[in-house]
N, C-alpha and C. Protein backbone atom coordinates (compact mmCIF):
# COMPACT_ATOMS: atom_id res chain seq x y z
N UNK A 1 83.13 28.02 18.34
CA UNK A 1 82.10 28.77 19.04
C UNK A 1 80.74 28.34 18.49
N UNK A 2 79.76 28.26 19.34
CA UNK A 2 78.45 27.76 18.95
C UNK A 2 77.48 28.89 18.57
N UNK A 3 78.01 30.08 18.36
CA UNK A 3 77.22 31.19 17.84
C UNK A 3 78.17 32.20 17.23
N UNK A 4 77.63 32.98 16.32
CA UNK A 4 78.40 34.06 15.73
C UNK A 4 77.47 35.26 15.54
N UNK A 5 78.04 36.38 15.28
CA UNK A 5 77.31 37.57 14.87
C UNK A 5 77.86 37.93 13.50
N UNK A 6 76.99 37.94 12.51
CA UNK A 6 77.43 38.17 11.14
C UNK A 6 76.75 39.41 10.58
N UNK A 7 77.53 40.19 9.82
CA UNK A 7 77.01 41.40 9.21
C UNK A 7 76.07 41.03 8.07
N UNK A 8 74.89 41.63 8.07
CA UNK A 8 73.91 41.44 7.02
C UNK A 8 73.94 42.68 6.13
N UNK A 9 74.43 42.52 4.91
CA UNK A 9 74.56 43.66 3.99
C UNK A 9 73.22 44.35 3.72
N UNK A 10 72.17 43.56 3.57
CA UNK A 10 70.86 44.12 3.26
C UNK A 10 70.35 44.98 4.41
N UNK A 11 70.44 44.46 5.63
CA UNK A 11 69.93 45.18 6.79
C UNK A 11 70.87 46.28 7.27
N UNK A 12 72.14 46.10 7.01
CA UNK A 12 73.12 47.09 7.47
C UNK A 12 73.46 46.97 8.94
N UNK A 13 73.18 45.80 9.52
CA UNK A 13 73.52 45.54 10.92
C UNK A 13 74.10 44.13 11.05
N UNK A 14 74.68 43.88 12.18
CA UNK A 14 75.16 42.54 12.51
C UNK A 14 74.04 41.80 13.23
N UNK A 15 73.81 40.56 12.83
CA UNK A 15 72.73 39.79 13.45
C UNK A 15 73.28 38.48 14.02
N UNK A 16 72.61 37.95 15.04
CA UNK A 16 73.08 36.71 15.66
C UNK A 16 72.80 35.50 14.79
N UNK A 17 73.69 34.55 14.85
CA UNK A 17 73.53 33.27 14.18
C UNK A 17 73.78 32.20 15.23
N UNK A 18 72.70 31.74 15.87
CA UNK A 18 72.81 30.75 16.94
C UNK A 18 72.84 29.36 16.33
N UNK A 19 73.74 28.53 16.78
CA UNK A 19 73.93 27.20 16.22
C UNK A 19 73.30 26.09 17.04
N UNK A 20 72.67 26.48 18.15
CA UNK A 20 71.95 25.49 18.96
C UNK A 20 70.81 26.18 19.67
N UNK A 21 69.97 25.41 20.32
CA UNK A 21 68.83 25.97 21.02
C UNK A 21 69.30 26.85 22.17
N UNK A 22 68.53 27.91 22.44
CA UNK A 22 68.88 28.89 23.47
C UNK A 22 69.17 28.23 24.81
N UNK A 23 68.33 27.29 25.21
CA UNK A 23 68.50 26.64 26.52
C UNK A 23 69.74 25.77 26.60
N UNK A 24 70.36 25.49 25.48
CA UNK A 24 71.59 24.69 25.47
C UNK A 24 72.84 25.54 25.73
N UNK A 25 72.67 26.85 25.73
CA UNK A 25 73.79 27.74 26.06
C UNK A 25 73.89 27.89 27.58
N UNK A 26 75.10 28.00 28.06
CA UNK A 26 75.28 28.25 29.49
C UNK A 26 74.76 29.65 29.82
N UNK A 27 74.51 29.90 31.08
CA UNK A 27 74.05 31.22 31.50
C UNK A 27 75.07 32.30 31.13
N UNK A 28 76.35 31.96 31.19
CA UNK A 28 77.41 32.90 30.83
C UNK A 28 77.35 33.22 29.33
N UNK A 29 77.16 32.17 28.52
CA UNK A 29 77.06 32.39 27.07
C UNK A 29 75.81 33.21 26.74
N UNK A 30 74.70 32.91 27.40
CA UNK A 30 73.48 33.67 27.17
C UNK A 30 73.70 35.15 27.49
N UNK A 31 74.34 35.41 28.60
CA UNK A 31 74.60 36.79 29.01
C UNK A 31 75.51 37.49 27.99
N UNK A 32 76.51 36.78 27.51
CA UNK A 32 77.43 37.34 26.53
C UNK A 32 76.70 37.66 25.22
N UNK A 33 75.88 36.73 24.78
CA UNK A 33 75.10 36.93 23.55
C UNK A 33 74.17 38.13 23.71
N UNK A 34 73.44 38.16 24.83
CA UNK A 34 72.51 39.26 25.06
C UNK A 34 73.22 40.61 25.15
N UNK A 35 74.38 40.64 25.76
CA UNK A 35 75.14 41.88 25.87
C UNK A 35 75.51 42.39 24.48
N UNK A 36 76.04 41.49 23.65
CA UNK A 36 76.42 41.88 22.28
C UNK A 36 75.18 42.31 21.49
N UNK A 37 74.10 41.55 21.62
CA UNK A 37 72.89 41.86 20.88
C UNK A 37 72.31 43.21 21.28
N UNK A 38 72.29 43.53 22.56
CA UNK A 38 71.71 44.80 23.01
C UNK A 38 72.50 45.99 22.45
N UNK A 39 73.80 45.85 22.32
CA UNK A 39 74.61 46.91 21.73
C UNK A 39 74.22 47.11 20.26
N UNK A 40 74.03 46.01 19.56
CA UNK A 40 73.64 46.07 18.14
C UNK A 40 72.20 46.59 18.03
N UNK A 41 71.33 46.05 18.84
CA UNK A 41 69.91 46.40 18.82
C UNK A 41 69.71 47.90 19.00
N UNK A 42 70.55 48.51 19.81
CA UNK A 42 70.46 49.94 20.06
C UNK A 42 70.75 50.80 18.83
N UNK A 43 71.39 50.23 17.83
CA UNK A 43 71.70 50.98 16.61
C UNK A 43 70.57 50.92 15.58
N UNK A 44 69.61 50.03 15.79
CA UNK A 44 68.56 49.82 14.79
C UNK A 44 67.70 51.06 14.55
N UNK A 45 67.25 51.79 15.56
CA UNK A 45 66.43 52.99 15.27
C UNK A 45 67.16 54.01 14.39
N UNK A 46 68.46 54.19 14.60
CA UNK A 46 69.22 55.12 13.75
C UNK A 46 69.31 54.61 12.32
N UNK A 47 69.48 53.31 12.17
CA UNK A 47 69.52 52.71 10.82
C UNK A 47 68.18 52.92 10.13
N UNK A 48 67.09 52.73 10.85
CA UNK A 48 65.75 52.94 10.28
C UNK A 48 65.57 54.39 9.87
N UNK A 49 66.02 55.30 10.70
CA UNK A 49 65.90 56.74 10.39
C UNK A 49 66.65 57.06 9.10
N UNK A 50 67.84 56.50 8.92
CA UNK A 50 68.61 56.73 7.69
C UNK A 50 67.87 56.20 6.46
N UNK A 51 67.25 55.03 6.60
CA UNK A 51 66.50 54.45 5.49
C UNK A 51 65.25 55.28 5.18
N UNK A 52 64.61 55.82 6.19
CA UNK A 52 63.44 56.67 5.97
C UNK A 52 63.83 57.93 5.21
N UNK A 53 65.01 58.46 5.49
CA UNK A 53 65.51 59.63 4.75
C UNK A 53 65.71 59.26 3.28
N UNK A 54 66.28 58.07 3.04
CA UNK A 54 66.45 57.60 1.66
C UNK A 54 65.11 57.47 0.95
N UNK A 55 64.12 56.92 1.64
CA UNK A 55 62.79 56.78 1.05
C UNK A 55 62.22 58.15 0.70
N UNK A 56 62.32 59.10 1.61
CA UNK A 56 61.81 60.45 1.35
C UNK A 56 62.49 61.08 0.14
N UNK A 57 63.80 60.89 0.03
CA UNK A 57 64.54 61.43 -1.12
C UNK A 57 64.05 60.80 -2.42
N UNK A 58 63.86 59.49 -2.40
CA UNK A 58 63.40 58.80 -3.60
C UNK A 58 61.96 59.19 -3.94
N UNK A 59 61.14 59.43 -2.93
CA UNK A 59 59.77 59.88 -3.19
C UNK A 59 59.76 61.27 -3.83
N UNK A 60 60.67 62.13 -3.38
CA UNK A 60 60.78 63.46 -4.00
C UNK A 60 61.21 63.33 -5.46
N UNK A 61 62.15 62.43 -5.73
CA UNK A 61 62.57 62.19 -7.12
C UNK A 61 61.40 61.67 -7.94
N UNK A 62 60.65 60.76 -7.34
CA UNK A 62 59.51 60.16 -8.04
C UNK A 62 58.44 61.19 -8.39
N UNK A 63 58.26 62.17 -7.52
CA UNK A 63 57.25 63.21 -7.75
C UNK A 63 57.51 64.02 -9.01
N UNK A 64 58.77 64.13 -9.42
CA UNK A 64 59.11 64.94 -10.60
C UNK A 64 59.60 64.10 -11.77
N UNK A 65 59.71 62.80 -11.58
CA UNK A 65 60.23 61.92 -12.64
C UNK A 65 59.19 61.74 -13.74
N UNK A 66 59.62 61.93 -14.98
CA UNK A 66 58.71 61.77 -16.11
C UNK A 66 58.98 60.49 -16.89
N UNK A 67 60.15 59.91 -16.70
CA UNK A 67 60.50 58.68 -17.40
C UNK A 67 59.86 57.49 -16.69
N UNK A 68 59.05 56.73 -17.44
CA UNK A 68 58.30 55.62 -16.85
C UNK A 68 59.23 54.57 -16.25
N UNK A 69 60.27 54.19 -16.98
CA UNK A 69 61.19 53.16 -16.47
C UNK A 69 61.90 53.62 -15.20
N UNK A 70 62.30 54.88 -15.19
CA UNK A 70 62.95 55.42 -14.00
C UNK A 70 61.96 55.46 -12.82
N UNK A 71 60.69 55.80 -13.11
CA UNK A 71 59.66 55.82 -12.06
C UNK A 71 59.47 54.42 -11.47
N UNK A 72 59.46 53.42 -12.35
CA UNK A 72 59.31 52.04 -11.89
C UNK A 72 60.49 51.64 -11.00
N UNK A 73 61.70 52.05 -11.39
CA UNK A 73 62.88 51.73 -10.58
C UNK A 73 62.82 52.42 -9.22
N UNK A 74 62.41 53.68 -9.21
CA UNK A 74 62.28 54.39 -7.94
C UNK A 74 61.24 53.72 -7.04
N UNK A 75 60.11 53.31 -7.61
CA UNK A 75 59.10 52.59 -6.83
C UNK A 75 59.66 51.30 -6.26
N UNK A 76 60.41 50.59 -7.06
CA UNK A 76 61.02 49.34 -6.61
C UNK A 76 62.02 49.61 -5.48
N UNK A 77 62.83 50.64 -5.64
CA UNK A 77 63.79 51.01 -4.60
C UNK A 77 63.09 51.35 -3.29
N UNK A 78 62.01 52.11 -3.39
CA UNK A 78 61.25 52.51 -2.21
C UNK A 78 60.66 51.28 -1.52
N UNK A 79 60.12 50.36 -2.31
CA UNK A 79 59.55 49.13 -1.73
C UNK A 79 60.62 48.31 -1.03
N UNK A 80 61.80 48.21 -1.61
CA UNK A 80 62.89 47.45 -0.99
C UNK A 80 63.33 48.11 0.32
N UNK A 81 63.45 49.42 0.32
CA UNK A 81 63.83 50.12 1.55
C UNK A 81 62.77 49.93 2.64
N UNK A 82 61.51 49.98 2.25
CA UNK A 82 60.42 49.75 3.22
C UNK A 82 60.48 48.32 3.77
N UNK A 83 60.82 47.37 2.92
CA UNK A 83 60.95 45.98 3.36
C UNK A 83 62.10 45.83 4.37
N UNK A 84 63.18 46.52 4.11
CA UNK A 84 64.32 46.48 5.03
C UNK A 84 63.91 47.07 6.38
N UNK A 85 63.20 48.19 6.35
CA UNK A 85 62.73 48.81 7.60
C UNK A 85 61.85 47.83 8.36
N UNK A 86 60.95 47.17 7.66
CA UNK A 86 60.07 46.19 8.32
C UNK A 86 60.90 45.09 8.98
N UNK A 87 61.88 44.57 8.28
CA UNK A 87 62.73 43.51 8.85
C UNK A 87 63.53 44.02 10.05
N UNK A 88 64.00 45.25 9.96
CA UNK A 88 64.74 45.82 11.09
C UNK A 88 63.84 45.96 12.32
N UNK A 89 62.59 46.37 12.13
CA UNK A 89 61.67 46.46 13.27
C UNK A 89 61.42 45.09 13.88
N UNK A 90 61.34 44.07 13.03
CA UNK A 90 61.17 42.71 13.56
C UNK A 90 62.36 42.33 14.43
N UNK A 91 63.56 42.62 13.97
CA UNK A 91 64.75 42.32 14.77
C UNK A 91 64.76 43.16 16.05
N UNK A 92 64.36 44.43 15.95
CA UNK A 92 64.37 45.30 17.11
C UNK A 92 63.40 44.80 18.18
N UNK A 93 62.26 44.30 17.73
CA UNK A 93 61.24 43.84 18.67
C UNK A 93 61.42 42.39 19.08
N UNK A 94 62.42 41.75 18.51
CA UNK A 94 62.66 40.34 18.83
C UNK A 94 62.83 40.17 20.34
N UNK A 95 62.36 39.05 20.82
CA UNK A 95 62.51 38.72 22.23
C UNK A 95 63.95 38.94 22.66
N UNK A 96 64.16 39.52 23.80
CA UNK A 96 65.51 39.80 24.26
C UNK A 96 66.35 38.54 24.43
N UNK A 97 65.70 37.41 24.44
CA UNK A 97 66.45 36.16 24.48
C UNK A 97 66.94 35.79 23.09
N UNK A 98 66.70 36.70 22.12
CA UNK A 98 67.07 36.56 20.72
C UNK A 98 66.21 35.53 20.02
N UNK A 99 66.12 34.34 20.55
CA UNK A 99 65.34 33.30 19.88
C UNK A 99 65.17 32.16 20.85
N UNK A 100 64.00 31.57 20.84
CA UNK A 100 63.79 30.44 21.73
C UNK A 100 64.26 29.15 21.11
N UNK A 101 64.66 29.22 19.86
CA UNK A 101 65.20 28.04 19.16
C UNK A 101 66.46 28.41 18.44
N UNK A 102 66.75 27.72 17.38
CA UNK A 102 67.92 28.01 16.59
C UNK A 102 67.56 28.98 15.49
N UNK A 103 68.51 29.84 15.10
CA UNK A 103 68.27 30.69 13.95
C UNK A 103 68.71 29.97 12.69
N UNK A 104 69.66 29.06 12.80
CA UNK A 104 70.13 28.25 11.68
C UNK A 104 70.48 26.86 12.19
N UNK A 105 70.32 25.90 11.33
CA UNK A 105 70.65 24.52 11.71
C UNK A 105 72.13 24.29 11.68
């Protein structure tokens, strides 16, 4: 198969891995890819909401944390969660054609 959908542990979703340029796929393959992607794409807002809840919980912990090292770890965790949310929004807003080129060589 000239494409796969692989689970990304960091993002918590399955993402497309296209092995050739979009225009090299048949119309049937494009439709199949888009169908699978739209099902996955629809789960992204819920994933973001879950991560926002985690951030809020960590911020509440940070508000009362007195240990400097623990505070630094909480800040780092919050920054990583925010980075994941940013990446998820990029995937969510990605062109519905998924990519005009290859995602991987």
